[in-house]
Amino acid sequence: MNISKITDHLFISGQPSLKDYDRLRELGVRLIINMRFSRGPQPDPHPQPISTLWLPSIDSPFFPISIRKLIHGTQAALETIRAGGNVLAHCAYGRHRGVAMGACILIAQGYDPRAAMDLIVQRRPAADPYAFYILPRILKFAGAWTP
C-alpha cells in the first residue's frame, strides 16, 4: 500500500487490503474513510478493529462528490483525532476522492484551502486536488464548513 503521511494525524492512500490493517494500526489509524463507490471497506477481523466509514463517491466530473458526504467524513475524522487517533482517507489510487476528503479535514482544522491542497501534493505527489472537477468540491466544502 502506498500510504502518505500528510500530518501527524492524517494519512492518504489508495485502497488498503486486510493485510495492510496491521501497518495502519501501528501508525495509530483508528478510522479509515473509504471514498470508493464500487468497493466498500473490508471489516477488520482484529479483536480491536479499526473503524471504517464508507462514503461511496464516483470519480467522475459527471457525479460530483457530495458536500454532505465530505462534511460527514470530516466530522468523523475530527472526532477520531480529538480522541487521540489518526485517520486514513482513501479512494482507489489516492489521487482524487481520498485527496478531496483529506483536504476537507485539513480545512476543518484551520488550513486555508490552497495551503491544504499544496501540503497534500507536497506529501503525496500522486495527489491531484486541482483536477477540474475536484477543486470546486473542495472550495465548496470550505465555504459550507462551519465548525
C-alpha atoms as a PDB file:
ATOM      1  CA  MET A   1       0.000   0.000   0.000  1.00  0.00           C
ATOM      2  CA  ASN A   2       1.283   3.424  -0.932  1.00  0.00           C
ATOM      3  CA  ILE A   3       0.413   5.476   2.155  1.00  0.00           C
ATOM      4  CA  SER A   4       1.351   9.124   2.550  1.00  0.00           C
ATOM      5  CA  LYS A   5       1.631  10.879   5.891  1.00  0.00           C
ATOM      6  CA  ILE A   6       0.127  14.326   5.397  1.00  0.00           C
ATOM      7  CA  THR A   7       0.161  15.454   9.040  1.00  0.00           C
ATOM      8  CA  ASP A   8       0.729  13.686  12.345  1.00  0.00           C
ATOM      9  CA  HIS A   9      -2.940  12.651  12.309  1.00  0.00           C
ATOM     10  CA  LEU A  10      -3.858  12.359   8.618  1.00  0.00           C
ATOM     11  CA  PHE A  11      -2.819   9.802   6.014  1.00  0.00           C
ATOM     12  CA  ILE A  12      -3.940   9.379   2.402  1.00  0.00           C
ATOM     13  CA  SER A  13      -3.590   6.240   0.287  1.00  0.00           C
ATOM     14  CA  GLY A  14      -5.089   4.036  -2.334  1.00  0.00           C
ATOM     15  CA  GLN A  15      -7.297   1.098  -1.364  1.00  0.00           C
ATOM     16  CA  PRO A  16      -5.787  -0.772   1.613  1.00  0.00           C
ATOM     17  CA  SER A  17      -6.092  -4.540   1.825  1.00  0.00           C
ATOM     18  CA  LEU A  18      -6.718  -6.506   5.007  1.00  0.00           C
ATOM     19  CA  LYS A  19      -3.002  -7.297   5.238  1.00  0.00           C
ATOM     20  CA  ASP A  20      -2.364  -3.529   5.449  1.00  0.00           C
ATOM     21  CA  TYR A  21      -4.526  -3.124   8.565  1.00  0.00           C
ATOM     22  CA  ASP A  22      -1.740  -4.168  10.954  1.00  0.00           C
ATOM     23  CA  ARG A  23       0.521  -1.477   9.466  1.00  0.00           C
ATOM     24  CA  LEU A  24      -2.277   1.081   9.793  1.00  0.00           C
ATOM     25  CA  ARG A  25      -2.766   0.048  13.412  1.00  0.00           C
ATOM     26  CA  GLU A  26       0.977   0.643  14.012  1.00  0.00           C
ATOM     27  CA  LEU A  27       0.540   4.147  12.571  1.00  0.00           C
ATOM     28  CA  GLY A  28      -2.234   4.845  15.067  1.00  0.00           C
ATOM     29  CA  VAL A  29      -5.013   4.844  12.470  1.00  0.00           C
ATOM     30  CA  ARG A  30      -8.357   4.460  14.220  1.00  0.00           C
ATOM     31  CA  LEU A  31     -10.621   5.485  11.335  1.00  0.00           C
ATOM     32  CA  ILE A  32     -10.481   4.576   7.649  1.00  0.00           C
ATOM     33  CA  ILE A  33     -12.629   6.748   5.385  1.00  0.00           C
ATOM     34  CA  ASN A  34     -13.362   4.902   2.144  1.00  0.00           C
ATOM     35  CA  MET A  35     -14.445   7.179  -0.715  1.00  0.00           C
ATOM     36  CA  ARG A  36     -14.767   4.399  -3.315  1.00  0.00           C
ATOM     37  CA  PHE A  37     -18.125   3.777  -4.933  1.00  0.00           C
ATOM     38  CA  SER A  38     -17.777   0.174  -6.028  1.00  0.00           C
ATOM     39  CA  ARG A  39     -15.722  -1.308  -3.223  1.00  0.00           C
ATOM     40  CA  GLY A  40     -16.708  -0.828   0.384  1.00  0.00           C
ATOM     41  CA  PRO A  41     -14.382  -1.289   3.330  1.00  0.00           C
ATOM     42  CA  GLN A  42     -13.282  -4.731   4.400  1.00  0.00           C
ATOM     43  CA  PRO A  43     -14.195  -5.439   8.030  1.00  0.00           C
ATOM     44  CA  ASP A  44     -11.160  -5.626  10.287  1.00  0.00           C
ATOM     45  CA  PRO A  45     -11.057  -9.081  11.941  1.00  0.00           C
ATOM     46  CA  HIS A  46      -8.711  -7.850  14.708  1.00  0.00           C
ATOM     47  CA  PRO A  47     -10.072  -8.025  18.295  1.00  0.00           C
ATOM     48  CA  GLN A  48      -9.808  -4.213  18.387  1.00  0.00           C
ATOM     49  CA  PRO A  49     -10.838  -3.347  14.830  1.00  0.00           C
ATOM     50  CA  ILE A  50     -10.119  -0.099  13.055  1.00  0.00           C
ATOM     51  CA  SER A  51     -13.382   1.757  12.459  1.00  0.00           C
ATOM     52  CA  THR A  52     -14.414   2.312   8.861  1.00  0.00           C
ATOM     53  CA  LEU A  53     -16.681   4.853   7.238  1.00  0.00           C
ATOM     54  CA  TRP A  54     -17.868   4.223   3.695  1.00  0.00           C
ATOM     55  CA  LEU A  55     -18.869   7.323   1.735  1.00  0.00           C
ATOM     56  CA  PRO A  56     -19.449   5.933  -1.786  1.00  0.00           C
ATOM     57  CA  SER A  57     -18.416   8.504  -4.397  1.00  0.00           C
ATOM     58  CA  ILE A  58     -17.764   8.154  -8.100  1.00  0.00           C
ATOM     59  CA  ASP A  59     -14.535   9.571  -9.540  1.00  0.00           C
ATOM     60  CA  SER A  60     -16.177  11.414 -12.408  1.00  0.00           C
ATOM     61  CA  PRO A  61     -16.920  15.022 -13.329  1.00  0.00           C
ATOM     62  CA  PHE A  62     -20.493  13.891 -14.064  1.00  0.00           C
ATOM     63  CA  PHE A  63     -21.074  12.843 -10.436  1.00  0.00           C
ATOM     64  CA  PRO A  64     -19.616  15.499  -8.107  1.00  0.00           C
ATOM     65  CA  ILE A  65     -18.638  14.367  -4.614  1.00  0.00           C
ATOM     66  CA  SER A  66     -21.476  15.183  -2.248  1.00  0.00           C
ATOM     67  CA  ILE A  67     -20.707  18.066   0.101  1.00  0.00           C
ATOM     68  CA  ARG A  68     -22.855  16.266   2.683  1.00  0.00           C
ATOM     69  CA  LYS A  69     -20.523  13.251   2.460  1.00  0.00           C
ATOM     70  CA  LEU A  70     -17.446  15.454   2.774  1.00  0.00           C
ATOM     71  CA  ILE A  71     -18.938  17.083   5.883  1.00  0.00           C
ATOM     72  CA  HIS A  72     -19.896  13.713   7.371  1.00  0.00           C
ATOM     73  CA  GLY A  73     -16.405  12.295   6.804  1.00  0.00           C
ATOM     74  CA  THR A  74     -14.750  15.420   8.168  1.00  0.00           C
ATOM     75  CA  GLN A  75     -16.851  15.336  11.329  1.00  0.00           C
ATOM     76  CA  ALA A  76     -15.972  11.680  11.907  1.00  0.00           C
ATOM     77  CA  ALA A  77     -12.280  12.415  11.288  1.00  0.00           C
ATOM     78  CA  LEU A  78     -12.233  15.315  13.735  1.00  0.00           C
ATOM     79  CA  GLU A  79     -13.889  13.184  16.421  1.00  0.00           C
ATOM     80  CA  THR A  80     -11.267  10.471  15.906  1.00  0.00           C
ATOM     81  CA  ILE A  81      -8.394  12.946  16.018  1.00  0.00           C
ATOM     82  CA  ARG A  82      -9.758  14.631  19.158  1.00  0.00           C
ATOM     83  CA  ALA A  83      -9.912  11.189  20.790  1.00  0.00           C
ATOM     84  CA  GLY A  84      -6.205  10.661  20.040  1.00  0.00           C
ATOM     85  CA  GLY A  85      -6.480   8.547  16.884  1.00  0.00           C
ATOM     86  CA  ASN A  86      -5.255   9.015  13.348  1.00  0.00           C
ATOM     87  CA  VAL A  87      -7.275   8.924  10.138  1.00  0.00           C
ATOM     88  CA  LEU A  88      -6.696   7.385   6.710  1.00  0.00           C
ATOM     89  CA  ALA A  89      -8.684   8.797   3.798  1.00  0.00           C
ATOM     90  CA  HIS A  90      -8.563   6.729   0.630  1.00  0.00           C
ATOM     91  CA  CYS A  91     -10.039   6.053  -2.761  1.00  0.00           C
ATOM     92  CA  ALA A  92      -8.841   3.650  -5.443  1.00  0.00           C
ATOM     93  CA  TYR A  93      -5.430   5.258  -6.046  1.00  0.00           C
ATOM     94  CA  GLY A  94      -5.240   8.161  -3.596  1.00  0.00           C
ATOM     95  CA  ARG A  95      -5.407  10.813  -6.309  1.00  0.00           C
ATOM     96  CA  HIS A  96      -8.848  12.451  -6.228  1.00  0.00           C
ATOM     97  CA  ARG A  97     -11.656  11.420  -3.849  1.00  0.00           C
ATOM     98  CA  GLY A  98      -9.437  10.463  -0.900  1.00  0.00           C
ATOM     99  CA  VAL A  99      -7.422  13.617  -1.516  1.00  0.00           C
ATOM    100  CA  ALA A 100     -10.600  15.726  -1.525  1.00  0.00           C
ATOM    101  CA  MET A 101     -11.577  14.217   1.829  1.00  0.00           C
ATOM    102  CA  GLY A 102      -8.082  14.826   3.188  1.00  0.00           C
ATOM    103  CA  ALA A 103      -8.176  18.461   2.073  1.00  0.00           C
ATOM    104  CA  CYS A 104     -11.558  18.931   3.740  1.00  0.00           C
ATOM    105  CA  ILE A 105     -10.228  17.515   7.008  1.00  0.00           C
ATOM    106  CA  LEU A 106      -7.309  19.949   6.884  1.00  0.00           C
ATOM    107  CA  ILE A 107      -9.621  22.868   6.102  1.00  0.00           C
ATOM    108  CA  ALA A 108     -11.762  21.949   9.118  1.00  0.00           C
ATOM    109  CA  GLN A 109      -8.570  22.032  11.198  1.00  0.00           C
ATOM    110  CA  GLY A 110      -7.938  25.629  10.142  1.00  0.00           C
ATOM    111  CA  TYR A 111      -5.920  25.321   6.924  1.00  0.00           C
ATOM    112  CA  ASP A 112      -6.585  27.685   4.057  1.00  0.00           C
ATOM    113  CA  PRO A 113      -7.963  25.565   1.166  1.00  0.00           C
ATOM    114  CA  ARG A 114      -4.982  26.261  -1.122  1.00  0.00           C
ATOM    115  CA  ALA A 115      -2.489  25.589   1.674  1.00  0.00           C
ATOM    116  CA  ALA A 116      -4.268  22.302   2.434  1.00  0.00           C
ATOM    117  CA  MET A 117      -4.081  21.209  -1.200  1.00  0.00           C
ATOM    118  CA  ASP A 118      -0.451  22.306  -1.556  1.00  0.00           C
ATOM    119  CA  LEU A 119       0.525  20.361   1.574  1.00  0.00           C
ATOM    120  CA  ILE A 120      -1.176  17.227   0.259  1.00  0.00           C
ATOM    121  CA  VAL A 121       0.578  17.483  -3.113  1.00  0.00           C
ATOM    122  CA  GLN A 122       3.905  18.087  -1.366  1.00  0.00           C
ATOM    123  CA  ARG A 123       3.482  14.961   0.786  1.00  0.00           C
ATOM    124  CA  ARG A 124       1.728  12.832  -1.847  1.00  0.00           C
ATOM    125  CA  PRO A 125       2.974  13.717  -5.353  1.00  0.00           C
ATOM    126  CA  ALA A 126       0.358  11.460  -7.000  1.00  0.00           C
ATOM    127  CA  ALA A 127      -2.419  13.602  -5.500  1.00  0.00           C
ATOM    128  CA  ASP A 128      -4.344  15.879  -7.837  1.00  0.00           C
ATOM    129  CA  PRO A 129      -6.657  18.124  -5.808  1.00  0.00           C
ATOM    130  CA  TYR A 130      -6.506  20.659  -8.623  1.00  0.00           C
ATOM    131  CA  ALA A 131      -8.326  18.372 -11.085  1.00  0.00           C
ATOM    132  CA  PHE A 132     -11.048  20.454 -12.727  1.00  0.00           C
ATOM    133  CA  TYR A 133     -13.852  18.514 -11.031  1.00  0.00           C
ATOM    134  CA  ILE A 134     -12.195  18.012  -7.615  1.00  0.00           C
ATOM    135  CA  LEU A 135     -11.038  21.561  -6.868  1.00  0.00           C
ATOM    136  CA  PRO A 136     -14.579  23.051  -6.966  1.00  0.00           C
ATOM    137  CA  ARG A 137     -15.805  20.441  -4.461  1.00  0.00           C
ATOM    138  CA  ILE A 138     -13.002  21.280  -2.026  1.00  0.00           C
ATOM    139  CA  LEU A 139     -13.679  25.009  -2.363  1.00  0.00           C
ATOM    140  CA  LYS A 140     -17.427  24.491  -1.985  1.00  0.00           C
ATOM    141  CA  PHE A 141     -16.790  22.471   1.183  1.00  0.00           C
ATOM    142  CA  ALA A 142     -14.610  25.315   2.506  1.00  0.00           C
ATOM    143  CA  GLY A 143     -17.495  27.733   2.003  1.00  0.00           C
ATOM    144  CA  ALA A 144     -20.014  25.379   3.581  1.00  0.00           C
ATOM    145  CA  TRP A 145     -17.981  24.232   6.589  1.00  0.00           C
ATOM    146  CA  THR A 146     -18.997  25.630   9.942  1.00  0.00           C
ATOM    147  CA  PRO A 147     -17.167  24.277  12.997  1.00  0.00           C
END
